[in-house]
């Protein structure tokens, strides 16, 4: 099957040379071709260029994209979309003045979601989760990382990861799975954190590895949850199973998690709402991608990650949703990109780079998705007729998408 898009107003994120990610001043550079064509064959990008160089390719379908733009589908490298039920009552509690920590101390937060998930069958969990997956695909997401972490028991964590595997098998979107056993301390281990750490290391990790359910390992490294020492213990144990770290750090407090994550060769460090000079310094020259979650800050009313300071210091950044029932009940990457521009003062070029090629790198998919490059998956967004790609973040709360293509096929 061969499809040709012609008369594209602007083809965005064109990369003719292989790159892993862009950093610092490079993030302001977003290569495009105006008045372009794009050819897809058997689900991958086969050719592209200026219309003046287009020759008939005997396509099975030719699509006139006059006035419209094409860019890579969004790469969302941090999500928790496999969960049971919702937590809108806690949303109301926060409106009434309770903090995230106060809600958690009353048995809400992650423990609330864990209780619901433990009581939900695997089939029901899958049915709930696939609806969310279909919704984010329709909003332009073409690659997605999904974490466990709302199980907090061996069986419940395995249930989550099996659901993630089933989603991966049944949907064409690129999906990566992350094991987040150390997301919170279960009530039964309230006074025995060491016991729970051993449960994660001795029981959960080996079972997850035996079923090949996760490529990545995560820990919620945060005051009141898991310390830097706890995180290092888990990351060291996961190394024997070749699980690569992608960790939660610096959401509420900066306690040295970034330095430890870099030492353990983490693929990404995620959240980073609280950043010190020494944290930025630790990331300099490392292969670890900082992943920022602006809609989490928007929803919780906490500080935004200092994206401008990080980019100006020469770092790369990626953008992701953090889609979860407690702190970010939205998987809309369009709103993430808009929020990054509006509240974190990222330019449209920086935000699009962060949500495509850098997001792909943050889940090990930079060779498959994230740019308009020959041989990559044809995971694409076809916009409505818009003036420029800056209209995407400018029109916050809306989206400029006309159609989404995954592996070259239009999704319903």
Protein backbone atom coordinates (compact mmCIF):
# COMPACT_ATOMS: atom_id res chain seq x y z
CA UNK A 1 0.00 0.00 0.00
CA UNK A 2 1.42 3.34 -1.09
CA UNK A 3 -0.04 6.72 -0.06
CA UNK A 4 1.13 10.12 -1.28
CA UNK A 5 0.38 13.43 0.42
CA UNK A 6 0.82 16.37 -1.94
CA UNK A 7 0.70 20.15 -1.67
CA UNK A 8 1.49 20.02 2.05
CA UNK A 9 1.66 23.59 3.30
CA UNK A 10 4.56 22.68 5.60
CA UNK A 11 6.16 19.36 6.45
CA UNK A 12 7.42 19.71 10.02
CA UNK A 13 10.30 18.00 11.87
CA UNK A 14 12.14 16.81 8.77
CA UNK A 15 15.36 14.98 9.62
CA UNK A 16 17.53 13.60 6.82
CA UNK A 17 20.39 12.64 9.15
CA UNK A 18 19.91 10.30 12.08
CA UNK A 19 19.89 12.08 15.45
CA UNK A 20 19.04 10.83 18.92
CA UNK A 21 17.76 14.11 20.39
CA UNK A 22 18.29 17.86 20.28
CA UNK A 23 19.60 19.94 23.18
CA UNK A 24 20.13 23.54 24.20
CA UNK A 25 20.12 26.03 21.31
CA UNK A 26 19.42 23.19 18.85
CA UNK A 27 15.95 22.89 20.34
CA UNK A 28 15.02 26.19 18.69
CA UNK A 29 15.75 24.67 15.28
CA UNK A 30 12.79 22.85 13.73
CA UNK A 31 13.55 21.86 10.14
CA UNK A 32 10.60 22.02 7.74
CA UNK A 33 9.82 21.91 4.03
CA UNK A 34 7.18 24.27 2.67
CA UNK A 35 4.93 23.18 -0.22
CA UNK A 36 5.98 19.58 0.25
CA UNK A 37 5.07 16.02 -0.56
CA UNK A 38 5.32 12.85 1.55
CA UNK A 39 5.11 9.23 0.40
CA UNK A 40 4.21 6.35 2.72
CA UNK A 41 4.75 2.75 1.71
CA UNK A 42 3.85 -0.31 3.78
CA UNK A 43 3.49 1.74 6.95
CA UNK A 44 6.79 3.61 6.79
CA UNK A 45 8.01 6.90 5.37
CA UNK A 46 9.38 6.19 1.89
CA UNK A 47 10.08 9.65 0.44
CA UNK A 48 9.51 13.36 0.94
CA UNK A 49 10.62 16.68 -0.45
CA UNK A 50 9.52 19.89 -2.15
CA UNK A 51 6.59 19.69 -4.57
CA UNK A 52 8.78 21.07 -7.35
CA UNK A 53 10.68 17.78 -7.18
CA UNK A 54 7.64 15.53 -6.96
CA UNK A 55 7.20 12.88 -9.63
CA UNK A 56 4.16 10.63 -9.86
CA UNK A 57 4.79 7.58 -7.68
CA UNK A 58 1.78 5.54 -8.79
CA UNK A 59 0.30 5.73 -5.31
CA UNK A 60 -2.74 3.70 -4.31
CA UNK A 61 -4.11 6.88 -2.73
CA UNK A 62 -3.15 10.51 -3.23
CA UNK A 63 -4.24 13.04 -0.58
CA UNK A 64 -4.27 16.75 -1.33
CA UNK A 65 -3.06 18.55 1.82
CA UNK A 66 -3.39 22.10 0.50
CA UNK A 67 -3.34 24.57 3.40
CA UNK A 68 -2.55 21.80 5.91
CA UNK A 69 0.58 20.67 7.71
CA UNK A 70 2.03 17.28 8.57
CA UNK A 71 4.20 16.58 11.61
CA UNK A 72 5.21 13.42 13.48
CA UNK A 73 2.65 12.07 15.91
CA UNK A 74 3.32 13.02 19.54
CA UNK A 75 5.66 10.84 21.59
CA UNK A 76 4.36 10.70 25.18
CA UNK A 77 7.14 9.21 27.29
CA UNK A 78 5.46 9.28 30.72
CA UNK A 79 1.95 7.99 31.41
CA UNK A 80 -0.05 5.90 33.87
CA UNK A 81 -3.13 5.26 31.72
CA UNK A 82 -3.72 1.73 33.04
CA UNK A 83 -5.71 2.40 36.19
CA UNK A 84 -9.12 1.60 37.66
CA UNK A 85 -11.86 4.14 38.35
CA UNK A 86 -11.18 7.82 38.90
CA UNK A 87 -10.41 10.23 41.75
CA UNK A 88 -12.64 13.20 41.05
CA UNK A 89 -13.61 13.38 44.74
CA UNK A 90 -9.98 14.24 45.53
CA UNK A 91 -10.13 16.95 42.87
CA UNK A 92 -12.95 18.52 44.89
CA UNK A 93 -10.94 18.06 48.11
CA UNK A 94 -8.09 20.06 46.60
CA UNK A 95 -10.50 22.81 45.56
CA UNK A 96 -11.58 22.89 49.20
CA UNK A 97 -8.03 23.42 50.37
CA UNK A 98 -6.42 20.04 50.99
CA UNK A 99 -2.94 19.47 49.57
CA UNK A 100 -1.83 16.43 47.56
CA UNK A 101 0.15 15.24 50.59
CA UNK A 102 -2.80 15.72 52.98
CA UNK A 103 -5.06 13.70 50.72
CA UNK A 104 -2.45 10.93 50.54
CA UNK A 105 -2.11 10.89 54.34
CA UNK A 106 -5.89 10.33 54.62
CA UNK A 107 -5.66 7.17 52.48
CA UNK A 108 -6.25 8.93 49.19
CA UNK A 109 -3.84 9.40 46.35
CA UNK A 110 -1.91 6.39 45.08
CA UNK A 111 -3.26 4.12 47.83
CA UNK A 112 -6.82 4.95 46.77
CA UNK A 113 -6.04 3.97 43.18
CA UNK A 114 -4.27 0.82 44.35
CA UNK A 115 -7.30 -0.33 46.33
CA UNK A 116 -9.58 0.17 43.30
CA UNK A 117 -7.17 -1.60 40.99
CA UNK A 118 -6.72 -4.59 43.28
CA UNK A 119 -10.50 -5.01 43.29
CA UNK A 120 -10.81 -4.76 39.49
CA UNK A 121 -10.53 -7.77 37.20
CA UNK A 122 -7.86 -7.86 34.52
CA UNK A 123 -10.53 -7.84 31.82
CA UNK A 124 -12.30 -4.82 33.27
CA UNK A 125 -8.97 -3.03 33.69
CA UNK A 126 -8.18 -3.66 30.04
CA UNK A 127 -11.59 -2.40 28.90
CA UNK A 128 -11.18 0.82 30.90
CA UNK A 129 -7.63 1.37 29.71
CA UNK A 130 -8.22 0.76 26.02
CA UNK A 131 -10.78 3.60 25.96
CA UNK A 132 -8.10 5.99 27.22
CA UNK A 133 -5.58 4.65 24.73
CA UNK A 134 -7.97 5.17 21.83
CA UNK A 135 -8.68 8.72 23.02
CA UNK A 136 -5.01 9.73 23.17
CA UNK A 137 -4.39 8.22 19.74
CA UNK A 138 -7.19 10.37 18.35
CA UNK A 139 -5.50 13.41 19.89
CA UNK A 140 -2.31 12.68 17.98
CA UNK A 141 -0.23 10.39 20.21
CA UNK A 142 1.69 7.83 18.18
CA UNK A 143 4.08 6.47 20.83
CA UNK A 144 3.40 5.97 24.53
CA UNK A 145 5.16 4.77 27.67
CA UNK A 146 2.83 3.21 30.26
CA UNK A 147 3.80 2.54 33.87
CA UNK A 148 2.52 0.12 36.45
CA UNK A 149 2.53 1.32 40.07
CA UNK A 150 -1.13 1.32 41.07
CA UNK A 151 -1.00 -2.34 42.08
CA UNK A 152 1.47 -2.33 44.99
CA UNK A 153 1.08 -6.11 45.35
CA UNK A 154 2.69 -8.76 43.20
CA UNK A 155 -0.54 -9.92 41.58
CA UNK A 156 -1.90 -6.42 41.01
CA UNK A 157 1.36 -5.17 39.48
CA UNK A 158 1.49 -8.20 37.18
CA UNK A 159 -2.15 -7.54 36.26
CA UNK A 160 -1.31 -3.99 35.20
CA UNK A 161 1.72 -5.05 33.18
CA UNK A 162 -0.24 -7.82 31.44
CA UNK A 163 -2.86 -5.26 30.47
CA UNK A 164 -0.11 -3.03 29.07
CA UNK A 165 1.21 -5.99 27.06
CA UNK A 166 -2.27 -6.71 25.75
CA UNK A 167 -2.71 -3.08 24.66
CA UNK A 168 0.62 -3.32 22.88
CA UNK A 169 -0.47 -6.46 21.08
CA UNK A 170 -3.90 -5.15 20.07
CA UNK A 171 -3.10 -1.58 18.97
CA UNK A 172 -0.69 -0.31 16.29
CA UNK A 173 0.73 2.51 18.44
CA UNK A 174 4.30 2.09 19.72
CA UNK A 175 4.06 1.24 23.46
CA UNK A 176 6.78 0.78 26.09
CA UNK A 177 6.13 -0.71 29.55
CA UNK A 178 7.72 0.45 32.81
CA UNK A 179 7.59 -1.39 36.14
CA UNK A 180 6.92 1.09 38.97
CA UNK A 181 6.54 -1.24 41.93
CA UNK A 182 7.94 1.41 44.31
CA UNK A 183 5.27 4.04 43.72
CA UNK A 184 4.02 4.30 47.31
CA UNK A 185 4.21 2.32 50.53
CA UNK A 186 1.19 -0.01 50.91
CA UNK A 187 -0.82 0.36 54.14
CA UNK A 188 0.26 -3.08 55.37
CA UNK A 189 3.92 -1.99 55.12
CA UNK A 190 3.35 1.42 56.70
CA UNK A 191 5.92 0.76 59.41
CA UNK A 192 8.08 -1.65 57.43
CA UNK A 193 9.49 0.06 54.33
CA UNK A 194 12.46 -2.30 54.30
CA UNK A 195 10.06 -5.22 54.07
CA UNK A 196 8.31 -3.69 51.08
CA UNK A 197 11.59 -2.91 49.33
CA UNK A 198 12.53 -6.56 49.67
CA UNK A 199 9.10 -7.54 48.33
CA UNK A 200 9.73 -5.43 45.25
CA UNK A 201 13.27 -6.71 44.78
CA UNK A 202 12.92 -10.37 45.75
CA UNK A 203 9.39 -11.14 44.51
CA UNK A 204 8.12 -8.61 42.00
CA UNK A 205 11.22 -7.93 39.92
CA UNK A 206 11.93 -11.58 39.17
CA UNK A 207 8.33 -12.30 38.17
CA UNK A 208 8.12 -9.22 35.94
CA UNK A 209 11.40 -10.23 34.29
CA UNK A 210 10.34 -13.86 33.89
CA UNK A 211 7.26 -12.81 31.91
CA UNK A 212 9.22 -10.11 30.05
CA UNK A 213 6.58 -7.56 31.04
CA UNK A 214 8.71 -4.42 31.31
CA UNK A 215 11.76 -2.91 29.67
CA UNK A 216 12.10 -0.06 32.15
CA UNK A 217 12.25 0.33 35.93
CA UNK A 218 10.90 3.35 37.84
CA UNK A 219 10.86 4.54 41.46
CA UNK A 220 9.01 7.48 43.00
CA UNK A 221 12.07 9.08 44.59
CA UNK A 222 10.55 11.76 46.79
CA UNK A 223 10.39 12.92 50.40
CA UNK A 224 7.78 10.82 52.19
CA UNK A 225 7.91 8.08 49.57
CA UNK A 226 11.26 6.49 48.60
CA UNK A 227 14.69 7.90 49.40
CA UNK A 228 17.68 8.12 47.09
CA UNK A 229 19.13 5.08 48.87
CA UNK A 230 15.88 3.16 48.33
CA UNK A 231 15.93 4.06 44.64
CA UNK A 232 19.53 2.99 44.21
CA UNK A 233 18.78 -0.34 45.89
CA UNK A 234 15.98 -1.05 43.40
CA UNK A 235 17.88 0.19 40.35
CA UNK A 236 20.86 -1.99 41.26
CA UNK A 237 18.61 -5.03 41.63
CA UNK A 238 16.86 -4.31 38.32
CA UNK A 239 20.16 -4.13 36.47
CA UNK A 240 20.57 -7.91 36.60
CA UNK A 241 17.36 -8.13 34.55
CA UNK A 242 18.56 -5.48 32.07
CA UNK A 243 15.79 -3.08 33.09
CA UNK A 244 16.73 0.49 32.23
CA UNK A 245 15.90 3.25 34.76
CA UNK A 246 13.28 5.92 34.00
CA UNK A 247 12.62 7.56 37.34
CA UNK A 248 10.36 10.07 39.13
CA UNK A 249 12.53 12.73 40.80
CA UNK A 250 12.36 16.33 42.04
CA UNK A 251 8.58 16.69 41.96
CA UNK A 252 8.15 18.28 45.38
CA UNK A 253 11.68 18.27 46.79
CA UNK A 254 15.24 18.01 45.47
CA UNK A 255 17.03 15.29 47.44
CA UNK A 256 19.78 14.06 45.11
CA UNK A 257 17.71 11.74 42.96
CA UNK A 258 18.99 13.20 39.70
CA UNK A 259 22.62 12.59 40.60
CA UNK A 260 21.86 8.98 41.52
CA UNK A 261 19.80 8.43 38.37
CA UNK A 262 22.63 9.72 36.16
CA UNK A 263 25.06 7.44 38.00
CA UNK A 264 22.79 4.50 37.20
CA UNK A 265 22.59 5.56 33.52
CA UNK A 266 18.90 6.36 33.60
CA UNK A 267 17.29 6.92 30.23
CA UNK A 268 15.18 9.72 31.72
CA UNK A 269 14.50 11.68 34.88
CA UNK A 270 10.89 12.83 35.05
CA UNK A 271 8.97 15.69 36.73
CA UNK A 272 11.80 18.10 37.76
CA UNK A 273 9.54 20.80 39.13
CA UNK A 274 12.21 21.55 41.74
CA UNK A 275 15.65 22.05 40.21
CA UNK A 276 18.86 23.29 41.83
CA UNK A 277 22.02 24.40 40.05
CA UNK A 278 23.71 21.17 41.06
CA UNK A 279 20.84 19.17 39.50
CA UNK A 280 21.28 20.95 36.18
CA UNK A 281 25.04 20.47 36.42
CA UNK A 282 24.59 16.72 37.03
CA UNK A 283 22.69 16.36 33.75
CA UNK A 284 25.27 18.18 31.66
CA UNK A 285 26.81 15.87 29.07
CA UNK A 286 24.85 12.84 30.25
CA UNK A 287 22.63 10.63 28.04
CA UNK A 288 19.77 11.06 30.55
CA UNK A 289 16.77 12.94 29.16
CA UNK A 290 14.94 15.41 31.45
CA UNK A 291 11.19 14.85 30.98
CA UNK A 292 8.88 17.70 31.97
CA UNK A 293 5.19 17.29 32.82
CA UNK A 294 3.61 20.76 32.65
CA UNK A 295 -0.02 19.70 32.91
CA UNK A 296 0.73 18.05 36.26
CA UNK A 297 1.84 21.47 37.52
CA UNK A 298 -1.24 23.02 35.92
CA UNK A 299 -3.60 20.58 37.66
CA UNK A 300 -1.94 20.52 41.09
CA UNK A 301 -0.99 24.19 41.22
CA UNK A 302 2.65 23.40 41.94
CA UNK A 303 5.67 25.13 40.34
CA UNK A 304 6.45 24.47 36.69
CA UNK A 305 9.75 22.90 35.73
CA UNK A 306 12.31 25.62 34.86
CA UNK A 307 12.42 24.65 31.20
CA UNK A 308 13.86 27.96 30.05
CA UNK A 309 16.75 27.73 32.51
CA UNK A 310 17.46 24.11 31.59
CA UNK A 311 17.45 24.68 27.83
CA UNK A 312 19.53 27.83 28.15
CA UNK A 313 22.05 25.76 30.14
CA UNK A 314 22.40 23.47 27.13
CA UNK A 315 20.20 20.59 28.26
CA UNK A 316 17.64 18.71 26.19
CA UNK A 317 14.10 18.35 27.49
CA UNK A 318 11.16 16.16 26.53
CA UNK A 319 7.47 16.81 27.22
CA UNK A 320 4.95 14.22 28.37
CA UNK A 321 1.46 14.07 29.87
CA UNK A 322 1.85 12.12 33.15
CA UNK A 323 -1.72 10.94 32.39
CA UNK A 324 -3.00 9.46 35.67
CA UNK A 325 -6.15 9.60 37.84
CA UNK A 326 -4.74 11.76 40.63
CA UNK A 327 -2.47 14.53 39.44
CA UNK A 328 -3.01 14.71 35.66
CA UNK A 329 -6.26 13.19 34.40
CA UNK A 330 -5.56 14.18 30.80
CA UNK A 331 -3.63 12.56 27.97
CA UNK A 332 -3.86 15.53 25.61
CA UNK A 333 -0.37 16.19 24.27
CA UNK A 334 -1.65 19.22 22.36
CA UNK A 335 -2.45 20.87 25.68
CA UNK A 336 0.94 19.80 27.06
CA UNK A 337 2.68 21.57 24.16
CA UNK A 338 0.50 24.66 24.65
CA UNK A 339 1.12 24.75 28.41
CA UNK A 340 4.87 24.43 27.88
CA UNK A 341 4.80 27.49 25.64
CA UNK A 342 2.39 29.55 27.73
CA UNK A 343 3.62 28.80 31.25
CA UNK A 344 7.21 27.60 30.77
CA UNK A 345 8.13 30.03 27.98
CA UNK A 346 9.29 27.37 25.57
CA UNK A 347 9.13 28.41 21.93
CA UNK A 348 6.84 26.43 19.60
CA UNK A 349 9.95 24.95 17.99
CA UNK A 350 11.33 23.82 21.35
CA UNK A 351 8.00 22.39 22.45
CA UNK A 352 7.47 20.43 19.24
CA UNK A 353 11.02 19.04 19.40
CA UNK A 354 10.42 18.09 23.05
CA UNK A 355 7.14 16.33 22.21
CA UNK A 356 8.45 14.43 19.19
CA UNK A 357 12.13 13.49 18.71
CA UNK A 358 13.14 14.05 22.36
CA UNK A 359 10.06 12.24 23.62
CA UNK A 360 10.90 9.31 21.34
CA UNK A 361 14.43 9.18 22.78
CA UNK A 362 13.03 9.18 26.34
CA UNK A 363 11.45 5.80 25.67
CA UNK A 364 14.11 4.30 23.41
CA UNK A 365 12.13 4.79 20.21
CA UNK A 366 14.16 7.49 18.45
CA UNK A 367 15.04 5.08 15.62
CA UNK A 368 11.37 4.32 14.95
CA UNK A 369 9.35 7.50 15.49
CA UNK A 370 9.62 11.19 16.36
CA UNK A 371 10.64 12.75 13.05
CA UNK A 372 9.88 12.79 9.34
CA UNK A 373 12.71 10.48 8.28
CA UNK A 374 12.89 7.79 5.63
CA UNK A 375 12.38 4.35 7.13
CA UNK A 376 10.63 5.52 10.29
CA UNK A 377 7.06 4.55 11.09
CA UNK A 378 4.48 6.73 9.34
CA UNK A 379 2.94 7.92 12.61
CA UNK A 380 1.68 11.32 11.56
CA UNK A 381 -0.61 14.22 12.37
CA UNK A 382 -2.37 15.93 9.46
CA UNK A 383 -3.54 19.32 10.71
CA UNK A 384 -6.53 21.31 9.71
CA UNK A 385 -5.82 24.35 7.52
CA UNK A 386 -3.74 26.56 9.83
CA UNK A 387 -1.48 29.58 9.38
CA UNK A 388 1.62 28.14 11.05
CA UNK A 389 2.68 25.40 13.44
CA UNK A 390 2.72 28.06 16.19
CA UNK A 391 -1.08 27.91 15.97
CA UNK A 392 -0.95 24.50 17.67
CA UNK A 393 0.15 25.87 21.09
CA UNK A 394 -1.58 29.21 20.46
CA UNK A 395 -5.01 27.53 20.26
CA UNK A 396 -4.70 26.02 23.74
CA UNK A 397 -7.53 23.79 24.92
CA UNK A 398 -8.34 22.92 21.33
CA UNK A 399 -6.46 20.87 18.80
CA UNK A 400 -5.67 21.51 15.16
CA UNK A 401 -5.79 17.88 14.10
CA UNK A 402 -7.78 16.77 11.09
CA UNK A 403 -6.53 13.18 10.90
CA UNK A 404 -4.03 10.91 12.63
CA UNK A 405 -2.13 8.12 10.88
CA UNK A 406 -0.47 5.22 12.69
CA UNK A 407 1.81 3.03 10.59
CA UNK A 408 0.39 4.82 7.57
CA UNK A 409 -3.23 3.96 8.36
CA UNK A 410 -5.81 6.56 9.26
CA UNK A 411 -7.30 5.90 12.69
CA UNK A 412 -10.99 6.35 13.33
